[in-house]
Amino acid sequence: MIGRLQGRIVERQPPFLVIDVQGVGYEVEAPLSTFFAMDGQSDSVNLHIHMVVREDAMLLYGFATLAEKKLFRELLKVSRFGPKMALTILSGCSVSEFASTVAAGDAARLSGLPGIGKKTAERLIVEMRDRLGKQPAEFSGLAGPDAASAPTNDALGEAHNALTALGYKPAEADRLLKGLETDLPSKELIRQALRKAVR
């Protein structure tokens, strides 16, 4: 199975990219977020790949970050949810935005994306909230180090871990810590975040 490709972009026609790897062109379907991340790059790019093998085809889905690939795979586990809808989600919001939307139960935000109606959005939130709750360790790292909500220092990281240990979902912990002074000790960050939670 192909898990990653490193090569040169020779064609861009959303939602497809063609990556030349040592003279072989791989056609990869990708969300718009990946196109934006690769904007201006052509000489050497790295894509995280999810590969699907069918009787009549081998399909490659590419992502700029491992976080996007992980979320794509989790979305495929949702009932009646295929690659096209998963790519729509990733094209319409970042991994951290999606996690926050699920934590907040904001079906209206998701139903605003093309091809996703209100019922689908509600079902998606129910199923993904359950997954986020059952696999906190895996999903706490989904946003990746380059996401805006990721902890920026040790104290912030400790505070984030403490909040998730208290039962807050990672996205909720991100929201509670957002906007707090990052140079505060972890205890003070936790205290202020908990005050914020009960407002």
Foldseek 3Di string as FASTA:
>chain_A
DDFKDKAFFPDDDPQWTWGQDPNDTDIEGEAVVQVVVCVPPGGIAMWGWDWDDDPVDIYIYTDRDPLLVVQLVVQCPQPPGDNVLSSQVVNQDPLLVVVLCLLVLPLVSVCVTPPAHSVNSNSSSVSVVVVLQVCQVVSLCSNDPPHPLDQDDDLLVVLLVVVVVVPDGSSLSSVLQPPDDNVDGNVVSNVSSVVVVVD
